[in-house]
Amino acid sequence: MMRLIQLMAPVPALVVGALVMRHEGIGTAQWGLNLVVGGVALLVCALWKPRREEPSRNPLPLAALGLVLLAATFLHAGFMGVHRWVQLGPLALYAGAISLPMVINAAGELLTESSRRAMSFVLLITTTAGILAAQPDAAQASGLAAAFVLLILAFPGLMRDRAVVLGSVLVIGLVAVSWFRPDPLAPVPHVEGILLMARTAGMPWFVAAILSLGLLPLPFFIGSAGPNAPTARALGVYIAGCVLVALIRNYPFPLLGFGVAPIIGYFVALRTVLGQFRGGRVGVCARGGVYLIAPCRLTPRCCCRGSCLGSGLARSARRPHL
C-alpha cells in the first residue's frame, strides 16, 4: 500500500496540469507530451522491484553525470544571458531539473558509505551550487541548499568537520548570488505561469493545482527507512524548495506545468525511494544469530547498529572511520 501511495503521488499534478492547459487552449502537443512522458516514467518505476541486497555502488559516476549535464548548459549562448537549458535538436531540456536529483542522490550515498567522504560531499555540493549561481537558477540552488542542510543534520558528525562548515558558508553565498543576479526572462503562461492559468480557469482548478503540488514531496517522507532514508528526505525537501520558490519567482512548477525535464528528474528521485528495502539489511553475528542492521546516523565512532534476533540480545557494531 505504501508503495502504491508513493507511485500515485505525482499523478494528480500531471493530470490537473494537463486539464488546465487543455481548458485554456494550450495545444495537445504540450500537455499530451507531459502525460506520455509521465506515464512512461511511472510505468518504469512501478515495474522496478527493490532487491533485498543492493550491491555497493560508487556514487561518483552519478555525480559526474549530473555535473556534466549541468555544465553543458554553457555550450550555447543561452537566452538573454541565462543558461539553464541543454539544446537537443528542437528540444530544450531544463538541465537542472534532471541533474539535481542525481547530484543529491550521489551526495547522500557518499555520506551513507563513509563519513570520510565529507570532503567529496562538500566539493560536489559547492561545485553544483557554483554552476547554478553562474546560470543563474535560484529555484534549483535553493532546493540544493535545503537538501544540503538536511543531509548535514542527518549525519551529526559532519557538523564538527571544518570542510563542511566552510562549505556551508560557501553554499549560502552562492545561493544568494543566484537570487540577486538579474533574470530577464518573462514567464511562459503554461510553464512558470501554470498556477495563474489554473486560477483563471476557476477556483476549483486553482485549489486542485495547489493540492497536487503539495503531494509531490510526500513519497520522500513516508515509509522512508534504511540507510537511504536521509537521501530520500533530502530529495523531498529539494522538491519542496523548488515548488516554494516557483510560487514567488518565475520558475517552472514541477509536473504541473509543461516541461519534460522536471518530470524525468522527479521520477529519477522517486526511484531512490522505491529502490529501498524497508526491512534493512540482514546479517549474521559472531555467535550465529541473525541480526538486522537498523537505519542509523553516521558518526565518527558508530557506523551501524544491529539487534541480534537469534539470542535475543541487543548488540552494537562499532568501528572507526571507514
Protein backbone atom coordinates (compact mmCIF):
# COMPACT_ATOMS: atom_id res chain seq x y z
CA MET A 1 0.00 0.00 0.00
CA MET A 2 2.83 2.41 0.87
CA ARG A 3 4.47 1.79 -2.48
CA LEU A 4 1.16 2.46 -4.27
CA ILE A 5 0.74 5.79 -2.42
CA GLN A 6 4.28 6.79 -3.38
CA LEU A 7 3.68 5.91 -7.02
CA MET A 8 0.35 7.75 -7.18
CA ALA A 9 1.54 10.99 -5.52
CA PRO A 10 2.76 12.65 -8.76
CA VAL A 11 -0.30 11.64 -10.80
CA PRO A 12 -2.63 14.49 -9.67
CA ALA A 13 -0.12 17.18 -10.69
CA LEU A 14 0.30 15.61 -14.14
CA VAL A 15 -3.44 15.23 -14.70
CA VAL A 16 -4.52 18.60 -13.24
CA GLY A 17 -1.80 20.42 -15.19
CA ALA A 18 -2.83 18.75 -18.44
CA LEU A 19 -6.52 19.52 -17.88
CA VAL A 20 -5.81 23.16 -17.04
CA MET A 21 -3.69 23.56 -20.18
CA ARG A 22 -6.40 21.93 -22.29
CA HIS A 23 -9.07 24.12 -20.68
CA GLU A 24 -7.08 27.26 -21.53
CA GLY A 25 -6.46 26.28 -25.14
CA ILE A 26 -2.85 25.06 -24.96
CA GLY A 27 -2.06 22.64 -27.79
CA THR A 28 -2.25 18.88 -27.33
CA ALA A 29 1.44 18.61 -28.22
CA GLN A 30 2.36 20.27 -24.90
CA TRP A 31 0.05 18.71 -22.32
CA GLY A 32 -0.03 15.40 -24.21
CA LEU A 33 3.77 15.16 -24.05
CA ASN A 34 3.64 15.71 -20.29
CA LEU A 35 1.18 12.84 -19.89
CA VAL A 36 3.12 10.48 -22.16
CA VAL A 37 6.49 11.10 -20.50
CA GLY A 38 4.93 10.95 -17.03
CA GLY A 39 3.06 7.74 -17.87
CA VAL A 40 6.19 6.01 -19.20
CA ALA A 41 8.26 7.13 -16.19
CA LEU A 42 5.53 5.96 -13.80
CA LEU A 43 5.39 2.57 -15.51
CA VAL A 44 9.17 2.15 -15.26
CA CYS A 45 9.09 2.98 -11.54
CA ALA A 46 6.13 0.64 -10.95
CA LEU A 47 7.94 -2.26 -12.61
CA TRP A 48 11.14 -1.63 -10.64
CA LYS A 49 11.41 -4.12 -7.77
CA PRO A 50 13.85 -3.39 -4.92
CA ARG A 51 16.21 -6.20 -4.04
CA ARG A 52 16.98 -7.33 -0.53
CA GLU A 53 20.71 -6.97 -1.05
CA GLU A 54 21.60 -3.95 -3.15
CA PRO A 55 25.23 -4.14 -4.33
CA SER A 56 27.54 -1.38 -3.17
CA ARG A 57 27.62 1.34 -5.81
CA ASN A 58 30.20 4.01 -6.46
CA PRO A 59 28.26 7.31 -6.38
CA LEU A 60 30.94 9.29 -8.23
CA PRO A 61 29.81 8.35 -11.80
CA LEU A 62 26.28 9.51 -10.96
CA ALA A 63 27.66 12.76 -9.54
CA ALA A 64 29.84 13.28 -12.61
CA LEU A 65 26.88 12.70 -14.94
CA GLY A 66 24.81 15.28 -13.08
CA LEU A 67 27.61 17.87 -13.16
CA VAL A 68 28.36 17.31 -16.87
CA LEU A 69 24.69 17.73 -17.75
CA LEU A 70 24.52 20.90 -15.68
CA ALA A 71 27.71 22.34 -17.17
CA ALA A 72 26.52 21.52 -20.71
CA THR A 73 24.12 24.46 -20.45
CA PHE A 74 27.09 26.75 -21.21
CA LEU A 75 27.81 25.12 -24.57
CA HIS A 76 25.45 27.55 -26.30
CA ALA A 77 24.86 31.27 -25.99
CA GLY A 78 21.85 30.94 -23.69
CA PHE A 79 18.77 33.15 -23.62
CA MET A 80 19.43 36.77 -22.65
CA GLY A 81 22.42 35.66 -20.60
CA VAL A 82 20.57 32.83 -18.82
CA HIS A 83 21.98 29.30 -19.19
CA ARG A 84 19.52 26.70 -17.88
CA TRP A 85 18.82 24.55 -20.91
CA VAL A 86 20.59 21.88 -22.94
CA GLN A 87 19.63 22.00 -26.59
CA LEU A 88 18.81 18.63 -28.13
CA GLY A 89 17.68 19.43 -31.66
CA PRO A 90 14.34 21.26 -31.40
CA LEU A 91 14.01 20.32 -27.72
CA ALA A 92 15.48 22.44 -24.92
CA LEU A 93 15.81 20.45 -21.70
CA TYR A 94 15.84 22.20 -18.32
CA ALA A 95 19.11 20.61 -17.21
CA GLY A 96 18.97 21.46 -13.51
CA ALA A 97 15.69 19.60 -13.00
CA ILE A 98 17.32 16.36 -14.19
CA SER A 99 20.84 16.75 -12.80
CA LEU A 100 19.99 17.93 -9.26
CA PRO A 101 18.24 14.66 -8.24
CA MET A 102 21.35 12.82 -9.47
CA VAL A 103 23.69 15.09 -7.52
CA ILE A 104 21.66 14.89 -4.29
CA ASN A 105 21.36 11.12 -4.62
CA ALA A 106 25.13 10.82 -5.10
CA ALA A 107 25.80 13.17 -2.16
CA GLY A 108 23.60 11.07 0.12
CA GLU A 109 25.32 7.86 -0.99
CA LEU A 110 28.73 9.39 -0.31
CA LEU A 111 27.77 10.08 3.30
CA THR A 112 26.00 6.76 3.82
CA GLU A 113 29.05 4.90 2.57
CA SER A 114 31.55 6.59 4.89
CA SER A 115 31.89 9.74 6.95
CA ARG A 116 35.40 10.14 5.47
CA ARG A 117 33.70 11.16 2.23
CA ALA A 118 32.78 14.52 3.80
CA MET A 119 35.28 16.41 1.63
CA SER A 120 33.93 14.79 -1.56
CA PHE A 121 30.40 15.59 -0.38
CA VAL A 122 31.25 19.28 0.16
CA LEU A 123 33.09 19.59 -3.16
CA LEU A 124 30.15 18.05 -5.02
CA ILE A 125 27.58 20.36 -3.44
CA THR A 126 29.66 23.55 -3.72
CA THR A 127 30.57 22.83 -7.36
CA THR A 128 26.90 22.31 -8.19
CA ALA A 129 25.92 25.48 -6.35
CA GLY A 130 28.60 27.40 -8.25
CA ILE A 131 27.25 26.27 -11.64
CA LEU A 132 23.71 27.16 -10.58
CA ALA A 133 24.86 30.63 -9.49
CA ALA A 134 26.51 31.14 -12.88
CA GLN A 135 23.38 30.11 -14.82
CA PRO A 136 21.62 31.64 -12.65
CA ASP A 137 18.91 29.36 -11.20
CA ALA A 138 17.60 30.40 -7.80
CA ALA A 139 15.00 27.62 -7.61
CA GLN A 140 17.42 24.74 -8.11
CA ALA A 141 20.06 26.44 -5.93
CA SER A 142 17.56 26.87 -3.09
CA GLY A 143 16.41 23.26 -3.39
CA LEU A 144 20.03 22.11 -3.34
CA ALA A 145 20.77 24.19 -0.24
CA ALA A 146 17.75 22.72 1.57
CA ALA A 147 18.91 19.17 0.74
CA PHE A 148 22.47 20.06 1.85
CA VAL A 149 21.25 21.27 5.25
CA LEU A 150 19.07 18.19 5.79
CA LEU A 151 21.94 15.80 4.98
CA ILE A 152 24.21 17.62 7.43
CA LEU A 153 21.56 17.36 10.16
CA ALA A 154 21.02 13.67 9.38
CA PHE A 155 24.73 12.93 10.00
CA PRO A 156 25.58 14.93 13.17
CA GLY A 157 29.29 14.11 12.98
CA LEU A 158 29.54 16.35 9.92
CA MET A 159 28.79 19.49 11.93
CA ARG A 160 32.22 19.19 13.55
CA ASP A 161 34.02 18.95 10.21
CA ARG A 162 35.75 22.18 9.15
CA ALA A 163 35.30 21.43 5.45
CA VAL A 164 31.55 21.09 5.97
CA VAL A 165 31.36 24.36 7.93
CA LEU A 166 33.30 26.26 5.26
CA GLY A 167 31.28 24.57 2.55
CA SER A 168 28.04 25.64 4.22
CA VAL A 169 29.13 29.28 4.20
CA LEU A 170 30.14 29.00 0.54
CA VAL A 171 26.85 27.35 -0.47
CA ILE A 172 24.83 30.07 1.30
CA GLY A 173 26.84 32.73 -0.53
CA LEU A 174 26.35 31.04 -3.92
CA VAL A 175 22.61 30.68 -3.34
CA ALA A 176 22.46 34.39 -2.52
CA VAL A 177 24.30 35.15 -5.78
CA SER A 178 21.76 33.08 -7.75
CA TRP A 179 18.92 35.06 -6.14
CA PHE A 180 20.39 38.52 -6.74
CA ARG A 181 21.62 38.02 -10.28
CA PRO A 182 19.19 39.53 -12.83
CA ASP A 183 16.77 37.14 -14.56
CA PRO A 184 15.23 39.00 -17.55
CA LEU A 185 13.20 36.07 -18.91
CA ALA A 186 9.43 36.54 -18.91
CA PRO A 187 7.27 33.68 -17.60
CA VAL A 188 5.66 31.28 -20.09
CA PRO A 189 1.93 31.00 -19.22
CA HIS A 190 1.75 27.19 -19.29
CA VAL A 191 5.15 26.67 -17.61
CA GLU A 192 6.03 29.21 -14.92
CA GLY A 193 2.55 30.74 -15.06
CA ILE A 194 0.55 27.50 -14.83
CA LEU A 195 -0.77 28.35 -11.36
CA LEU A 196 -2.13 31.69 -12.58
CA MET A 197 -3.62 29.85 -15.53
CA ALA A 198 -5.36 27.46 -13.09
CA ARG A 199 -6.70 30.44 -11.15
CA THR A 200 -8.05 31.95 -14.38
CA ALA A 201 -9.73 28.63 -15.22
CA GLY A 202 -11.65 28.75 -11.94
CA MET A 203 -11.26 28.33 -8.19
CA PRO A 204 -11.75 24.50 -8.28
CA TRP A 205 -8.84 24.21 -10.72
CA PHE A 206 -6.69 26.51 -8.59
CA VAL A 207 -7.36 24.53 -5.40
CA ALA A 208 -6.71 21.24 -7.21
CA ALA A 209 -3.41 22.61 -8.55
CA ILE A 210 -2.25 23.72 -5.09
CA LEU A 211 -3.17 20.37 -3.53
CA SER A 212 -1.44 18.42 -6.30
CA LEU A 213 1.77 20.41 -5.76
CA GLY A 214 1.57 19.65 -2.04
CA LEU A 215 1.56 15.93 -2.80
CA LEU A 216 4.82 15.96 -4.74
CA PRO A 217 7.24 15.79 -1.75
CA LEU A 218 5.06 13.22 0.08
CA PRO A 219 6.68 9.98 -1.22
CA PHE A 220 10.07 11.07 0.09
CA PHE A 221 8.91 11.41 3.70
CA ILE A 222 6.51 8.49 4.18
CA GLY A 223 7.85 4.99 4.59
CA SER A 224 11.49 6.08 4.28
CA ALA A 225 13.68 3.56 6.08
CA GLY A 226 17.10 2.02 5.81
CA PRO A 227 20.46 3.61 5.02
CA ASN A 228 18.98 5.71 2.20
CA ALA A 229 16.35 7.44 4.36
CA PRO A 230 18.37 10.69 4.72
CA THR A 231 18.85 10.81 0.94
CA ALA A 232 15.12 10.31 0.35
CA ARG A 233 14.22 13.12 2.74
CA ALA A 234 16.86 15.38 1.19
CA LEU A 235 15.23 14.81 -2.20
CA GLY A 236 11.87 15.62 -0.62
CA VAL A 237 13.00 18.99 0.73
CA TYR A 238 14.70 19.71 -2.61
CA ILE A 239 11.38 19.25 -4.45
CA ALA A 240 9.51 21.24 -1.81
CA GLY A 241 12.08 24.04 -2.15
CA CYS A 242 11.67 24.17 -5.94
CA VAL A 243 7.88 24.41 -5.58
CA LEU A 244 8.08 27.16 -2.95
CA VAL A 245 10.50 29.26 -4.99
CA ALA A 246 8.24 28.89 -8.06
CA LEU A 247 5.44 30.46 -6.00
CA ILE A 248 7.36 33.72 -5.64
CA ARG A 249 9.68 33.77 -8.69
CA ASN A 250 9.33 32.87 -12.35
CA TYR A 251 10.44 29.23 -12.26
CA PRO A 252 8.73 26.06 -13.54
CA PHE A 253 6.27 24.20 -11.35
CA PRO A 254 7.37 20.54 -11.39
CA LEU A 255 4.94 18.23 -13.23
CA LEU A 256 2.07 20.75 -13.09
CA GLY A 257 3.41 22.98 -15.85
CA PHE A 258 4.70 21.97 -19.24
CA GLY A 259 8.21 20.54 -19.20
CA VAL A 260 9.71 17.11 -19.81
CA ALA A 261 12.86 17.63 -17.72
CA PRO A 262 11.12 18.20 -14.34
CA ILE A 263 9.08 15.04 -14.93
CA ILE A 264 12.19 12.98 -15.68
CA GLY A 265 14.03 14.47 -12.69
CA TYR A 266 11.12 13.79 -10.34
CA PHE A 267 10.95 10.13 -11.29
CA VAL A 268 14.74 9.80 -11.05
CA ALA A 269 14.34 10.97 -7.45
CA LEU A 270 11.34 8.70 -6.86
CA ARG A 271 13.38 5.71 -8.00
CA THR A 272 15.66 6.31 -4.99
CA VAL A 273 12.73 5.92 -2.59
CA LEU A 274 11.16 2.94 -4.36
CA GLY A 275 14.54 1.20 -4.52
CA GLN A 276 14.80 0.99 -0.73
CA PHE A 277 14.33 -2.31 1.02
CA ARG A 278 12.19 -1.36 4.02
CA GLY A 279 13.39 -4.07 6.34
CA GLY A 280 17.01 -3.08 6.49
CA ARG A 281 19.95 -5.36 5.78
CA VAL A 282 20.25 -8.80 7.30
CA GLY A 283 23.49 -10.30 8.53
CA VAL A 284 24.89 -12.95 10.88
CA CYS A 285 26.58 -12.14 14.18
CA ALA A 286 29.65 -13.90 15.58
CA ARG A 287 27.52 -16.32 17.65
CA GLY A 288 25.48 -17.39 14.62
CA GLY A 289 22.36 -15.37 15.39
CA VAL A 290 20.61 -13.35 12.71
CA TYR A 291 20.67 -9.61 13.19
CA LEU A 292 19.01 -6.71 11.42
CA ILE A 293 21.06 -3.62 10.64
CA ALA A 294 18.83 -0.69 11.51
CA PRO A 295 18.99 2.77 10.00
CA CYS A 296 21.45 4.89 11.91
CA ARG A 297 23.13 8.24 11.90
CA LEU A 298 26.73 8.10 10.79
CA THR A 299 29.06 9.48 13.44
CA PRO A 300 32.85 9.24 13.75
CA ARG A 301 32.58 6.21 16.07
CA CYS A 302 29.49 4.32 15.05
CA CYS A 303 28.54 3.15 11.58
CA CYS A 304 25.65 0.75 12.21
CA ARG A 305 23.51 -0.82 14.87
CA GLY A 306 22.29 -4.38 14.88
CA SER A 307 19.77 -6.27 17.01
CA CYS A 308 20.66 -9.93 17.44
CA LEU A 309 17.48 -11.93 16.90
CA GLY A 310 18.99 -15.38 17.45
CA SER A 311 19.86 -14.93 21.13
CA GLY A 312 17.51 -12.05 21.93
CA LEU A 313 20.46 -9.85 22.90
CA ALA A 314 20.87 -6.32 21.52
CA ARG A 315 24.30 -5.75 20.10
CA SER A 316 26.11 -2.80 18.57
CA ALA A 317 28.79 -3.00 15.89
CA ARG A 318 31.31 -0.20 16.32
CA ARG A 319 34.26 0.69 14.17
CA PRO A 320 36.31 3.83 13.36
CA HIS A 321 36.09 5.91 10.21
CA LEU A 322 35.84 3.92 7.03
